[in-house]
Every structure is written in C-alpha cells, then in structure tokens.
Amino acid sequence: MELTTVNQALENLSSFEGEYVYLTGLLTFEFEGVYIDHWPKSEQMQEELNESSVWLSTAINFGFNEESMTKMSGKRVIVGGTLIAPCSDLGGCGHMSGWPAEIVATQIHLHSELGKI
C-alpha cells in the first residue's frame, strides 16, 4: 500500500481523481466538518481555509460508526477511498463547498494500526 499525503493528493488532483488512494493525515470529525488535514501540521498550506484538507464522506456500505469516528478525531489516520475533484458548478466539495477535493472512504484506520492493514 502506498500512502499519499493530503498535500500530494491535492497537488496532483488531476492524476489522482477517480483513483483509489490511501490518504494519511489528521481526522477532524465534528458538526459540519468531517475532513482529513495534511500531516505534519507544519507543512499545511495556510493561504486559504481548508487548502490542505480533503472532505471525507463514506461509501454507502461502509458501516460508518459515529462513536469510533469521534474517538479518532484529532488523531493521525489512514483513509482508503476514491478521490473526487469538485464539480465545476460548485468549485469545492463538502459543507458549503469549502474543500478542494473529497475522498469517498471505504476504510479508516488509525495510523498506528498500519502494520495490521
């Protein structure tokens, strides 16, 4: 499995769009904000809000567990899923079209579980 950082995915979105990728980053799971931030934080691009973040949605058959996601929030994770570029009409993904891309997840693991995947 090849891990891709959030910044790498966004910098090469045209190559990654529609592809299954394994993103590594920091999970945020809160009201109107479910996304993966680039890690390490010192390398996050700060010119615009969410510029180093990817909106997280889950596949229909994912078996989403809100309690588990809440426990993982703020921690480094690996997300396996299909990367999607924004619709040209909206200009962004996620809540209020505020993110430059979206990942439709079929897997989410704590980064510390890497050897178990």
PDB file of N, CA and C in Angstrom:
ATOM      1  N   MET A   1       0.841  -1.173   0.000  1.00  0.00           N
ATOM      2  CA  MET A   1       0.000   0.000   0.000  1.00  0.00           C
ATOM      3  C   MET A   1       0.887   1.236   0.000  1.00  0.00           C
ATOM      4  N   GLU A   2       0.622   2.132  -0.926  1.00  0.00           N
ATOM      5  CA  GLU A   2       1.363   3.378  -0.999  1.00  0.00           C
ATOM      6  C   GLU A   2       0.542   4.488  -0.357  1.00  0.00           C
ATOM      7  N   LEU A   3       1.115   5.140   0.655  1.00  0.00           N
ATOM      8  CA  LEU A   3       0.420   6.230   1.333  1.00  0.00           C
ATOM      9  C   LEU A   3       0.660   7.544   0.601  1.00  0.00           C
ATOM     10  N   THR A   4      -0.375   8.348   0.532  1.00  0.00           N
ATOM     11  CA  THR A   4      -0.312   9.654  -0.108  1.00  0.00           C
ATOM     12  C   THR A   4      -0.708  10.692   0.927  1.00  0.00           C
ATOM     13  N   THR A   5       0.049  11.771   1.018  1.00  0.00           N
ATOM     14  CA  THR A   5      -0.333  12.843   1.937  1.00  0.00           C
ATOM     15  C   THR A   5      -1.439  13.666   1.290  1.00  0.00           C
ATOM     16  N   VAL A   6      -2.130  14.425   2.095  1.00  0.00           N
ATOM     17  CA  VAL A   6      -3.189  15.292   1.589  1.00  0.00           C
ATOM     18  C   VAL A   6      -2.614  16.296   0.596  1.00  0.00           C
ATOM     19  N   ASN A   7      -1.496  16.924   0.932  1.00  0.00           N
ATOM     20  CA  ASN A   7      -0.897  17.897   0.022  1.00  0.00           C
ATOM     21  C   ASN A   7      -0.523  17.254  -1.311  1.00  0.00           C
ATOM     22  N   GLN A   8       0.053  16.050  -1.291  1.00  0.00           N
ATOM     23  CA  GLN A   8       0.407  15.360  -2.529  1.00  0.00           C
ATOM     24  C   GLN A   8      -0.837  15.107  -3.374  1.00  0.00           C
ATOM     25  N   ALA A   9      -1.905  14.650  -2.736  1.00  0.00           N
ATOM     26  CA  ALA A   9      -3.142  14.366  -3.458  1.00  0.00           C
ATOM     27  C   ALA A   9      -3.704  15.627  -4.103  1.00  0.00           C
ATOM     28  N   LEU A  10      -3.681  16.734  -3.385  1.00  0.00           N
ATOM     29  CA  LEU A  10      -4.233  17.978  -3.922  1.00  0.00           C
ATOM     30  C   LEU A  10      -3.345  18.570  -5.011  1.00  0.00           C
ATOM     31  N   GLU A  11      -2.036  18.474  -4.841  1.00  0.00           N
ATOM     32  CA  GLU A  11      -1.113  18.995  -5.852  1.00  0.00           C
ATOM     33  C   GLU A  11      -1.223  18.210  -7.157  1.00  0.00           C
ATOM     34  N   ASN A  12      -1.615  16.947  -7.082  1.00  0.00           N
ATOM     35  CA  ASN A  12      -1.705  16.071  -8.252  1.00  0.00           C
ATOM     36  C   ASN A  12      -3.135  15.576  -8.458  1.00  0.00           C
ATOM     37  N   LEU A  13      -4.115  16.420  -8.147  1.00  0.00           N
ATOM     38  CA  LEU A  13      -5.515  16.009  -8.182  1.00  0.00           C
ATOM     39  C   LEU A  13      -5.930  15.476  -9.548  1.00  0.00           C
ATOM     40  N   SER A  14      -5.437  16.060 -10.614  1.00  0.00           N
ATOM     41  CA  SER A  14      -5.834  15.587 -11.947  1.00  0.00           C
ATOM     42  C   SER A  14      -5.367  14.148 -12.183  1.00  0.00           C
ATOM     43  N   SER A  15      -4.252  13.746 -11.582  1.00  0.00           N
ATOM     44  CA  SER A  15      -3.754  12.370 -11.712  1.00  0.00           C
ATOM     45  C   SER A  15      -4.487  11.412 -10.780  1.00  0.00           C
ATOM     46  N   PHE A  16      -4.854  11.889  -9.600  1.00  0.00           N
ATOM     47  CA  PHE A  16      -5.479  11.039  -8.588  1.00  0.00           C
ATOM     48  C   PHE A  16      -7.003  10.965  -8.698  1.00  0.00           C
ATOM     49  N   GLU A  17      -7.617  11.905  -9.403  1.00  0.00           N
ATOM     50  CA  GLU A  17      -9.071  11.948  -9.465  1.00  0.00           C
ATOM     51  C   GLU A  17      -9.649  10.636  -9.987  1.00  0.00           C
ATOM     52  N   GLY A  18     -10.612  10.104  -9.233  1.00  0.00           N
ATOM     53  CA  GLY A  18     -11.261   8.849  -9.603  1.00  0.00           C
ATOM     54  C   GLY A  18     -10.476   7.602  -9.219  1.00  0.00           C
ATOM     55  N   GLU A  19      -9.303   7.783  -8.650  1.00  0.00           N
ATOM     56  CA  GLU A  19      -8.451   6.662  -8.256  1.00  0.00           C
ATOM     57  C   GLU A  19      -8.671   6.307  -6.789  1.00  0.00           C
ATOM     58  N   TYR A  20      -8.453   5.029  -6.479  1.00  0.00           N
ATOM     59  CA  TYR A  20      -8.481   4.586  -5.081  1.00  0.00           C
ATOM     60  C   TYR A  20      -7.123   4.905  -4.488  1.00  0.00           C
ATOM     61  N   VAL A  21      -7.103   5.681  -3.402  1.00  0.00           N
ATOM     62  CA  VAL A  21      -5.857   6.098  -2.763  1.00  0.00           C
ATOM     63  C   VAL A  21      -5.926   5.819  -1.267  1.00  0.00           C
ATOM     64  N   TYR A  22      -4.770   5.817  -0.659  1.00  0.00           N
ATOM     65  CA  TYR A  22      -4.661   5.745   0.801  1.00  0.00           C
ATOM     66  C   TYR A  22      -4.079   7.065   1.268  1.00  0.00           C
ATOM     67  N   LEU A  23      -4.944   7.928   1.809  1.00  0.00           N
ATOM     68  CA  LEU A  23      -4.509   9.224   2.330  1.00  0.00           C
ATOM     69  C   LEU A  23      -4.119   9.081   3.788  1.00  0.00           C
ATOM     70  N   THR A  24      -3.071   9.755   4.153  1.00  0.00           N
ATOM     71  CA  THR A  24      -2.684   9.812   5.553  1.00  0.00           C
ATOM     72  C   THR A  24      -2.787  11.265   6.014  1.00  0.00           C
ATOM     73  N   GLY A  25      -3.334  11.461   7.195  1.00  0.00           N
ATOM     74  CA  GLY A  25      -3.486  12.808   7.723  1.00  0.00           C
ATOM     75  C   GLY A  25      -4.203  12.794   9.056  1.00  0.00           C
ATOM     76  N   LEU A  26      -4.626  13.969   9.490  1.00  0.00           N
ATOM     77  CA  LEU A  26      -5.317  14.131  10.770  1.00  0.00           C
ATOM     78  C   LEU A  26      -6.821  14.216  10.543  1.00  0.00           C
ATOM     79  N   LEU A  27      -7.562  13.384  11.232  1.00  0.00           N
ATOM     80  CA  LEU A  27      -9.014  13.360  11.092  1.00  0.00           C
ATOM     81  C   LEU A  27      -9.654  14.433  11.961  1.00  0.00           C
ATOM     82  N   THR A  28     -10.578  15.161  11.377  1.00  0.00           N
ATOM     83  CA  THR A  28     -11.464  16.037  12.128  1.00  0.00           C
ATOM     84  C   THR A  28     -12.877  15.506  11.911  1.00  0.00           C
ATOM     85  N   PHE A  29     -13.554  15.242  13.005  1.00  0.00           N
ATOM     86  CA  PHE A  29     -14.921  14.736  12.942  1.00  0.00           C
ATOM     87  C   PHE A  29     -15.754  15.566  13.902  1.00  0.00           C
ATOM     88  N   GLU A  30     -16.475  16.538  13.342  1.00  0.00           N
ATOM     89  CA  GLU A  30     -17.307  17.427  14.149  1.00  0.00           C
ATOM     90  C   GLU A  30     -18.484  17.894  13.309  1.00  0.00           C
ATOM     91  N   PHE A  31     -19.407  18.574  13.918  1.00  0.00           N
ATOM     92  CA  PHE A  31     -20.582  19.087  13.231  1.00  0.00           C
ATOM     93  C   PHE A  31     -20.156  19.950  12.052  1.00  0.00           C
ATOM     94  N   GLU A  32     -20.649  19.649  10.858  1.00  0.00           N
ATOM     95  CA  GLU A  32     -20.367  20.368   9.625  1.00  0.00           C
ATOM     96  C   GLU A  32     -18.885  20.390   9.276  1.00  0.00           C
ATOM     97  N   GLY A  33     -18.133  19.440   9.792  1.00  0.00           N
ATOM     98  CA  GLY A  33     -16.712  19.378   9.484  1.00  0.00           C
ATOM     99  C   GLY A  33     -16.167  17.975   9.636  1.00  0.00           C
ATOM    100  N   VAL A  34     -16.158  17.211   8.550  1.00  0.00           N
ATOM    101  CA  VAL A  34     -15.606  15.863   8.549  1.00  0.00           C
ATOM    102  C   VAL A  34     -14.566  15.842   7.433  1.00  0.00           C
ATOM    103  N   TYR A  35     -13.301  15.898   7.804  1.00  0.00           N
ATOM    104  CA  TYR A  35     -12.253  16.034   6.803  1.00  0.00           C
ATOM    105  C   TYR A  35     -10.918  15.508   7.320  1.00  0.00           C
ATOM    106  N   ILE A  36      -9.984  15.408   6.386  1.00  0.00           N
ATOM    107  CA  ILE A  36      -8.627  14.963   6.684  1.00  0.00           C
ATOM    108  C   ILE A  36      -7.698  16.129   6.388  1.00  0.00           C
ATOM    109  N   ASP A  37      -6.917  16.552   7.389  1.00  0.00           N
ATOM    110  CA  ASP A  37      -5.911  17.604   7.233  1.00  0.00           C
ATOM    111  C   ASP A  37      -4.563  16.983   6.917  1.00  0.00           C
ATOM    112  N   HIS A  38      -3.753  17.731   6.190  1.00  0.00           N
ATOM    113  CA  HIS A  38      -2.384  17.291   5.922  1.00  0.00           C
ATOM    114  C   HIS A  38      -1.628  17.155   7.244  1.00  0.00           C
ATOM    115  N   TRP A  39      -0.775  16.162   7.297  1.00  0.00           N
ATOM    116  CA  TRP A  39       0.134  15.977   8.425  1.00  0.00           C
ATOM    117  C   TRP A  39       1.531  15.815   7.875  1.00  0.00           C
ATOM    118  N   PRO A  40       2.553  16.453   8.383  1.00  0.00           N
ATOM    119  CA  PRO A  40       2.573  17.236   9.618  1.00  0.00           C
ATOM    120  C   PRO A  40       1.968  18.632   9.441  1.00  0.00           C
ATOM    121  N   LYS A  41       1.470  19.156  10.524  1.00  0.00           N
ATOM    122  CA  LYS A  41       0.815  20.455  10.512  1.00  0.00           C
ATOM    123  C   LYS A  41       1.724  21.562   9.988  1.00  0.00           C
ATOM    124  N   SER A  42       3.034  21.440  10.265  1.00  0.00           N
ATOM    125  CA  SER A  42       3.982  22.474   9.839  1.00  0.00           C
ATOM    126  C   SER A  42       4.047  22.622   8.322  1.00  0.00           C
ATOM    127  N   GLU A  43       3.562  21.634   7.575  1.00  0.00           N
ATOM    128  CA  GLU A  43       3.582  21.677   6.111  1.00  0.00           C
ATOM    129  C   GLU A  43       2.220  22.034   5.519  1.00  0.00           C
ATOM    130  N   GLN A  44       1.243  22.364   6.350  1.00  0.00           N
ATOM    131  CA  GLN A  44      -0.078  22.724   5.838  1.00  0.00           C
ATOM    132  C   GLN A  44      -0.015  24.079   5.150  1.00  0.00           C
ATOM    133  N   MET A  45      -0.684  24.176   3.998  1.00  0.00           N
ATOM    134  CA  MET A  45      -0.771  25.441   3.277  1.00  0.00           C
ATOM    135  C   MET A  45      -1.842  26.288   3.947  1.00  0.00           C
ATOM    136  N   GLN A  46      -1.524  27.527   4.238  1.00  0.00           N
ATOM    137  CA  GLN A  46      -2.431  28.357   5.036  1.00  0.00           C
ATOM    138  C   GLN A  46      -3.000  29.557   4.290  1.00  0.00           C
ATOM    139  N   GLU A  47      -2.724  29.681   2.977  1.00  0.00           N
ATOM    140  CA  GLU A  47      -3.226  30.855   2.268  1.00  0.00           C
ATOM    141  C   GLU A  47      -4.750  30.925   2.292  1.00  0.00           C
ATOM    142  N   GLU A  48      -5.403  29.783   2.119  1.00  0.00           N
ATOM    143  CA  GLU A  48      -6.864  29.746   2.114  1.00  0.00           C
ATOM    144  C   GLU A  48      -7.353  28.691   3.094  1.00  0.00           C
ATOM    145  N   LEU A  49      -8.532  28.889   3.601  1.00  0.00           N
ATOM    146  CA  LEU A  49      -9.148  27.927   4.512  1.00  0.00           C
ATOM    147  C   LEU A  49      -9.253  26.562   3.837  1.00  0.00           C
ATOM    148  N   ASN A  50      -8.884  25.518   4.514  1.00  0.00           N
ATOM    149  CA  ASN A  50      -9.006  24.131   4.059  1.00  0.00           C
ATOM    150  C   ASN A  50      -8.135  23.789   2.857  1.00  0.00           C
ATOM    151  N   GLU A  51      -7.149  24.600   2.537  1.00  0.00           N
ATOM    152  CA  GLU A  51      -6.310  24.354   1.377  1.00  0.00           C
ATOM    153  C   GLU A  51      -5.492  23.071   1.507  1.00  0.00           C
ATOM    154  N   SER A  52      -5.230  22.619   2.715  1.00  0.00           N
ATOM    155  CA  SER A  52      -4.501  21.376   2.962  1.00  0.00           C
ATOM    156  C   SER A  52      -5.421  20.336   3.589  1.00  0.00           C
ATOM    157  N   SER A  53      -6.672  20.307   3.140  1.00  0.00           N
ATOM    158  CA  SER A  53      -7.658  19.385   3.690  1.00  0.00           C
ATOM    159  C   SER A  53      -8.479  18.757   2.576  1.00  0.00           C
ATOM    160  N   VAL A  54      -8.970  17.556   2.843  1.00  0.00           N
ATOM    161  CA  VAL A  54      -9.852  16.847   1.924  1.00  0.00           C
ATOM    162  C   VAL A  54     -11.104  16.459   2.698  1.00  0.00           C
ATOM    163  N   TRP A  55     -12.269  16.794   2.131  1.00  0.00           N
ATOM    164  CA  TRP A  55     -13.550  16.440   2.732  1.00  0.00           C
ATOM    165  C   TRP A  55     -13.678  14.920   2.760  1.00  0.00           C
ATOM    166  N   LEU A  56     -14.253  14.384   3.826  1.00  0.00           N
ATOM    167  CA  LEU A  56     -14.426  12.942   3.980  1.00  0.00           C
ATOM    168  C   LEU A  56     -15.898  12.580   3.940  1.00  0.00           C
ATOM    169  N   SER A  57     -16.251  11.717   3.002  1.00  0.00           N
ATOM    170  CA  SER A  57     -17.580  11.111   3.000  1.00  0.00           C
ATOM    171  C   SER A  57     -17.354   9.608   2.972  1.00  0.00           C
ATOM    172  N   THR A  58     -18.388   8.865   3.232  1.00  0.00           N
ATOM    173  CA  THR A  58     -18.212   7.415   3.302  1.00  0.00           C
ATOM    174  C   THR A  58     -19.096   6.713   2.277  1.00  0.00           C
ATOM    175  N   ALA A  59     -18.588   5.614   1.764  1.00  0.00           N
ATOM    176  CA  ALA A  59     -19.350   4.799   0.828  1.00  0.00           C
ATOM    177  C   ALA A  59     -20.607   4.285   1.532  1.00  0.00           C
ATOM    178  N   ILE A  60     -21.642   4.041   0.763  1.00  0.00           N
ATOM    179  CA  ILE A  60     -22.935   3.628   1.319  1.00  0.00           C
ATOM    180  C   ILE A  60     -22.816   2.381   2.183  1.00  0.00           C
ATOM    181  N   ASN A  61     -22.018   1.427   1.778  1.00  0.00           N
ATOM    182  CA  ASN A  61     -21.901   0.158   2.512  1.00  0.00           C
ATOM    183  C   ASN A  61     -20.747   0.152   3.516  1.00  0.00           C
ATOM    184  N   PHE A  62     -20.282   1.314   3.905  1.00  0.00           N
ATOM    185  CA  PHE A  62     -19.101   1.431   4.759  1.00  0.00           C
ATOM    186  C   PHE A  62     -19.313   0.903   6.180  1.00  0.00           C
ATOM    187  N   GLY A  63     -20.502   0.996   6.724  1.00  0.00           N
ATOM    188  CA  GLY A  63     -20.727   0.616   8.120  1.00  0.00           C
ATOM    189  C   GLY A  63     -20.189   1.677   9.063  1.00  0.00           C
ATOM    190  N   PHE A  64     -20.426   2.917   8.740  1.00  0.00           N
ATOM    191  CA  PHE A  64     -19.976   4.090   9.471  1.00  0.00           C
ATOM    192  C   PHE A  64     -20.350   4.010  10.950  1.00  0.00           C
ATOM    193  N   ASN A  65     -19.399   4.221  11.834  1.00  0.00           N
ATOM    194  CA  ASN A  65     -19.625   4.154  13.263  1.00  0.00           C
ATOM    195  C   ASN A  65     -19.244   5.504  13.877  1.00  0.00           C
ATOM    196  N   GLU A  66     -20.246   6.288  14.228  1.00  0.00           N
ATOM    197  CA  GLU A  66     -20.023   7.642  14.731  1.00  0.00           C
ATOM    198  C   GLU A  66     -19.168   7.658  16.004  1.00  0.00           C
ATOM    199  N   GLU A  67     -19.375   6.714  16.895  1.00  0.00           N
ATOM    200  CA  GLU A  67     -18.603   6.665  18.139  1.00  0.00           C
ATOM    201  C   GLU A  67     -17.111   6.446  17.848  1.00  0.00           C
ATOM    202  N   SER A  68     -16.809   5.538  16.946  1.00  0.00           N
ATOM    203  CA  SER A  68     -15.408   5.283  16.575  1.00  0.00           C
ATOM    204  C   SER A  68     -14.772   6.507  15.931  1.00  0.00           C
ATOM    205  N   MET A  69     -15.527   7.161  15.051  1.00  0.00           N
ATOM    206  CA  MET A  69     -15.008   8.354  14.381  1.00  0.00           C
ATOM    207  C   MET A  69     -14.742   9.465  15.389  1.00  0.00           C
ATOM    208  N   THR A  70     -15.617   9.613  16.351  1.00  0.00           N
ATOM    209  CA  THR A  70     -15.423  10.628  17.387  1.00  0.00           C
ATOM    210  C   THR A  70     -14.146  10.346  18.175  1.00  0.00           C
ATOM    211  N   LYS A  71     -13.881   9.084  18.495  1.00  0.00           N
ATOM    212  CA  LYS A  71     -12.663   8.713  19.229  1.00  0.00           C
ATOM    213  C   LYS A  71     -11.400   8.955  18.411  1.00  0.00           C
ATOM    214  N   MET A  72     -11.503   8.807  17.078  1.00  0.00           N
ATOM    215  CA  MET A  72     -10.331   9.004  16.214  1.00  0.00           C
ATOM    216  C   MET A  72     -10.102  10.466  15.851  1.00  0.00           C
ATOM    217  N   SER A  73     -11.089  11.329  16.088  1.00  0.00           N
ATOM    218  CA  SER A  73     -10.960  12.736  15.727  1.00  0.00           C
ATOM    219  C   SER A  73      -9.737  13.355  16.411  1.00  0.00           C
ATOM    220  N   GLY A  74      -8.937  14.064  15.627  1.00  0.00           N
ATOM    221  CA  GLY A  74      -7.730  14.693  16.135  1.00  0.00           C
ATOM    222  C   GLY A  74      -6.506  13.798  16.062  1.00  0.00           C
ATOM    223  N   LYS A  75      -6.708  12.565  15.595  1.00  0.00           N
ATOM    224  CA  LYS A  75      -5.592  11.614  15.515  1.00  0.00           C
ATOM    225  C   LYS A  75      -5.191  11.391  14.064  1.00  0.00           C
ATOM    226  N   ARG A  76      -3.990  10.897  13.892  1.00  0.00           N
ATOM    227  CA  ARG A  76      -3.474  10.580  12.564  1.00  0.00           C
ATOM    228  C   ARG A  76      -4.121   9.291  12.079  1.00  0.00           C
ATOM    229  N   VAL A  77      -4.640   9.331  10.852  1.00  0.00           N
ATOM    230  CA  VAL A  77      -5.366   8.193  10.295  1.00  0.00           C
ATOM    231  C   VAL A  77      -4.872   7.885   8.881  1.00  0.00           C
ATOM    232  N   ILE A  78      -5.287   6.721   8.401  1.00  0.00           N
ATOM    233  CA  ILE A  78      -5.133   6.331   7.003  1.00  0.00           C
ATOM    234  C   ILE A  78      -6.545   6.091   6.488  1.00  0.00           C
ATOM    235  N   VAL A  79      -6.880   6.748   5.395  1.00  0.00           N
ATOM    236  CA  VAL A  79      -8.200   6.619   4.798  1.00  0.00           C
ATOM    237  C   VAL A  79      -8.028   6.034   3.403  1.00  0.00           C
ATOM    238  N   GLY A  80      -8.679   4.908   3.164  1.00  0.00           N
ATOM    239  CA  GLY A  80      -8.683   4.320   1.829  1.00  0.00           C
ATOM    240  C   GLY A  80      -9.986   4.665   1.147  1.00  0.00           C
ATOM    241  N   GLY A  81      -9.899   5.210  -0.062  1.00  0.00           N
ATOM    242  CA  GLY A  81     -11.117   5.563  -0.770  1.00  0.00           C
ATOM    243  C   GLY A  81     -10.838   6.186  -2.119  1.00  0.00           C
ATOM    244  N   THR A  82     -11.887   6.555  -2.787  1.00  0.00           N
ATOM    245  CA  THR A  82     -11.795   7.157  -4.114  1.00  0.00           C
ATOM    246  C   THR A  82     -11.750   8.671  -3.983  1.00  0.00           C
ATOM    247  N   LEU A  83     -10.745   9.275  -4.600  1.00  0.00           N
ATOM    248  CA  LEU A  83     -10.576  10.723  -4.544  1.00  0.00           C
ATOM    249  C   LEU A  83     -11.393  11.380  -5.653  1.00  0.00           C
ATOM    250  N   ILE A  84     -12.104  12.430  -5.294  1.00  0.00           N
ATOM    251  CA  ILE A  84     -13.002  13.114  -6.225  1.00  0.00           C
ATOM    252  C   ILE A  84     -12.667  14.607  -6.253  1.00  0.00           C
ATOM    253  N   ALA A  85     -12.584  15.155  -7.461  1.00  0.00           N
ATOM    254  CA  ALA A  85     -12.416  16.599  -7.628  1.00  0.00           C
ATOM    255  C   ALA A  85     -13.792  17.253  -7.560  1.00  0.00           C
ATOM    256  N   PRO A  86     -13.846  18.529  -7.246  1.00  0.00           N
ATOM    257  CA  PRO A  86     -15.153  19.195  -7.134  1.00  0.00           C
ATOM    258  C   PRO A  86     -15.848  19.350  -8.475  1.00  0.00           C
ATOM    259  N   CYS A  87     -17.155  19.386  -8.419  1.00  0.00           N
ATOM    260  CA  CYS A  87     -17.990  19.689  -9.573  1.00  0.00           C
ATOM    261  C   CYS A  87     -17.685  21.127  -9.997  1.00  0.00           C
ATOM    262  N   SER A  88     -17.545  21.366 -11.277  1.00  0.00           N
ATOM    263  CA  SER A  88     -17.191  22.712 -11.745  1.00  0.00           C
ATOM    264  C   SER A  88     -18.234  23.760 -11.364  1.00  0.00           C
ATOM    265  N   ASP A  89     -19.488  23.347 -11.205  1.00  0.00           N
ATOM    266  CA  ASP A  89     -20.543  24.294 -10.819  1.00  0.00           C
ATOM    267  C   ASP A  89     -20.384  24.796  -9.388  1.00  0.00           C
ATOM    268  N   LEU A  90     -19.820  23.951  -8.518  1.00  0.00           N
ATOM    269  CA  LEU A  90     -19.712  24.302  -7.102  1.00  0.00           C
ATOM    270  C   LEU A  90     -18.339  24.860  -6.731  1.00  0.00           C
ATOM    271  N   GLY A  91     -17.304  24.401  -7.387  1.00  0.00           N
ATOM    272  CA  GLY A  91     -15.966  24.893  -7.102  1.00  0.00           C
ATOM    273  C   GLY A  91     -15.335  24.325  -5.843  1.00  0.00           C
ATOM    274  N   GLY A  92     -16.012  23.432  -5.166  1.00  0.00           N
ATOM    275  CA  GLY A  92     -15.464  22.827  -3.960  1.00  0.00           C
ATOM    276  C   GLY A  92     -16.298  21.633  -3.548  1.00  0.00           C
ATOM    277  N   CYS A  93     -15.841  20.939  -2.527  1.00  0.00           N
ATOM    278  CA  CYS A  93     -16.522  19.751  -2.013  1.00  0.00           C
ATOM    279  C   CYS A  93     -16.913  19.975  -0.556  1.00  0.00           C
ATOM    280  N   GLY A  94     -17.830  19.162  -0.081  1.00  0.00           N
ATOM    281  CA  GLY A  94     -18.183  19.180   1.337  1.00  0.00           C
ATOM    282  C   GLY A  94     -19.098  20.332   1.722  1.00  0.00           C
ATOM    283  N   HIS A  95     -19.163  20.561   3.013  1.00  0.00           N
ATOM    284  CA  HIS A  95     -20.042  21.589   3.565  1.00  0.00           C
ATOM    285  C   HIS A  95     -19.705  22.951   2.962  1.00  0.00           C
ATOM    286  N   MET A  96     -20.708  23.598   2.393  1.00  0.00           N
ATOM    287  CA  MET A  96     -20.566  24.921   1.780  1.00  0.00           C
ATOM    288  C   MET A  96     -19.495  24.941   0.679  1.00  0.00           C
ATOM    289  N   SER A  97     -19.205  23.774   0.091  1.00  0.00           N
ATOM    290  CA  SER A  97     -18.201  23.648  -0.983  1.00  0.00           C
ATOM    291  C   SER A  97     -16.854  24.217  -0.556  1.00  0.00           C
ATOM    292  N   GLY A  98     -16.487  23.985   0.696  1.00  0.00           N
ATOM    293  CA  GLY A  98     -15.296  24.607   1.258  1.00  0.00           C
ATOM    294  C   GLY A  98     -13.994  23.827   1.140  1.00  0.00           C
ATOM    295  N   TRP A  99     -14.011  22.660   0.495  1.00  0.00           N
ATOM    296  CA  TRP A  99     -12.806  21.844   0.412  1.00  0.00           C
ATOM    297  C   TRP A  99     -12.438  21.606  -1.047  1.00  0.00           C
ATOM    298  N   PRO A 100     -11.150  21.534  -1.352  1.00  0.00           N
ATOM    299  CA  PRO A 100     -10.723  21.402  -2.741  1.00  0.00           C
ATOM    300  C   PRO A 100     -10.897  20.010  -3.346  1.00  0.00           C
ATOM    301  N   ALA A 101     -11.211  19.011  -2.539  1.00  0.00           N
ATOM    302  CA  ALA A 101     -11.421  17.646  -3.029  1.00  0.00           C
ATOM    303  C   ALA A 101     -12.157  16.859  -1.951  1.00  0.00           C
ATOM    304  N   GLU A 102     -12.569  15.647  -2.324  1.00  0.00           N
ATOM    305  CA  GLU A 102     -13.305  14.771  -1.412  1.00  0.00           C
ATOM    306  C   GLU A 102     -12.778  13.355  -1.569  1.00  0.00           C
ATOM    307  N   ILE A 103     -12.772  12.618  -0.478  1.00  0.00           N
ATOM    308  CA  ILE A 103     -12.472  11.195  -0.557  1.00  0.00           C
ATOM    309  C   ILE A 103     -13.710  10.431  -0.072  1.00  0.00           C
ATOM    310  N   VAL A 104     -14.141   9.471  -0.893  1.00  0.00           N
ATOM    311  CA  VAL A 104     -15.269   8.612  -0.527  1.00  0.00           C
ATOM    312  C   VAL A 104     -14.644   7.355   0.077  1.00  0.00           C
ATOM    313  N   ALA A 105     -14.683   7.271   1.393  1.00  0.00           N
ATOM    314  CA  ALA A 105     -13.935   6.260   2.135  1.00  0.00           C
ATOM    315  C   ALA A 105     -14.635   4.907   2.186  1.00  0.00           C
ATOM    316  N   THR A 106     -13.820   3.877   2.086  1.00  0.00           N
ATOM    317  CA  THR A 106     -14.273   2.510   2.361  1.00  0.00           C
ATOM    318  C   THR A 106     -13.469   1.918   3.519  1.00  0.00           C
ATOM    319  N   GLN A 107     -12.417   2.633   3.949  1.00  0.00           N
ATOM    320  CA  GLN A 107     -11.587   2.189   5.081  1.00  0.00           C
ATOM    321  C   GLN A 107     -11.091   3.409   5.849  1.00  0.00           C
ATOM    322  N   ILE A 108     -11.057   3.284   7.164  1.00  0.00           N
ATOM    323  CA  ILE A 108     -10.420   4.289   8.012  1.00  0.00           C
ATOM    324  C   ILE A 108      -9.757   3.542   9.163  1.00  0.00           C
ATOM    325  N   HIS A 109      -8.463   3.812   9.335  1.00  0.00           N
ATOM    326  CA  HIS A 109      -7.679   3.166  10.392  1.00  0.00           C
ATOM    327  C   HIS A 109      -6.803   4.208  11.073  1.00  0.00           C
ATOM    328  N   LEU A 110      -6.523   3.995  12.342  1.00  0.00           N
ATOM    329  CA  LEU A 110      -5.520   4.822  12.996  1.00  0.00           C
ATOM    330  C   LEU A 110      -4.174   4.536  12.356  1.00  0.00           C
ATOM    331  N   HIS A 111      -3.350   5.551  12.204  1.00  0.00           N
ATOM    332  CA  HIS A 111      -2.034   5.386  11.582  1.00  0.00           C
ATOM    333  C   HIS A 111      -1.198   4.358  12.329  1.00  0.00           C
ATOM    334  N   SER A 112      -1.382   4.266  13.637  1.00  0.00           N
ATOM    335  CA  SER A 112      -0.618   3.312  14.450  1.00  0.00           C
ATOM    336  C   SER A 112      -0.977   1.858  14.122  1.00  0.00           C
ATOM    337  N   GLU A 113      -2.083   1.638  13.402  1.00  0.00           N
ATOM    338  CA  GLU A 113      -2.509   0.294  13.021  1.00  0.00           C
ATOM    339  C   GLU A 113      -1.971  -0.095  11.647  1.00  0.00           C
ATOM    340  N   LEU A 114      -1.059   0.663  11.088  1.00  0.00           N
ATOM    341  CA  LEU A 114      -0.566   0.453   9.727  1.00  0.00           C
ATOM    342  C   LEU A 114      -0.134  -0.983   9.486  1.00  0.00           C
ATOM    343  N   GLY A 115       0.553  -1.584  10.401  1.00  0.00           N
ATOM    344  CA  GLY A 115       1.026  -2.961  10.226  1.00  0.00           C
ATOM    345  C   GLY A 115      -0.086  -3.992  10.177  1.00  0.00           C
ATOM    346  N   LYS A 116      -1.274  -3.639  10.623  1.00  0.00           N
ATOM    347  CA  LYS A 116      -2.404  -4.583  10.663  1.00  0.00           C
ATOM    348  C   LYS A 116      -3.261  -4.531   9.400  1.00  0.00           C
ATOM    349  N   ILE A 117      -3.001  -3.559   8.524  1.00  0.00           N
ATOM    350  CA  ILE A 117      -3.836  -3.397   7.333  1.00  0.00           C
ATOM    351  C   ILE A 117      -3.349  -4.317   6.225  1.00  0.00           C
TER     352      ILE A 117
END
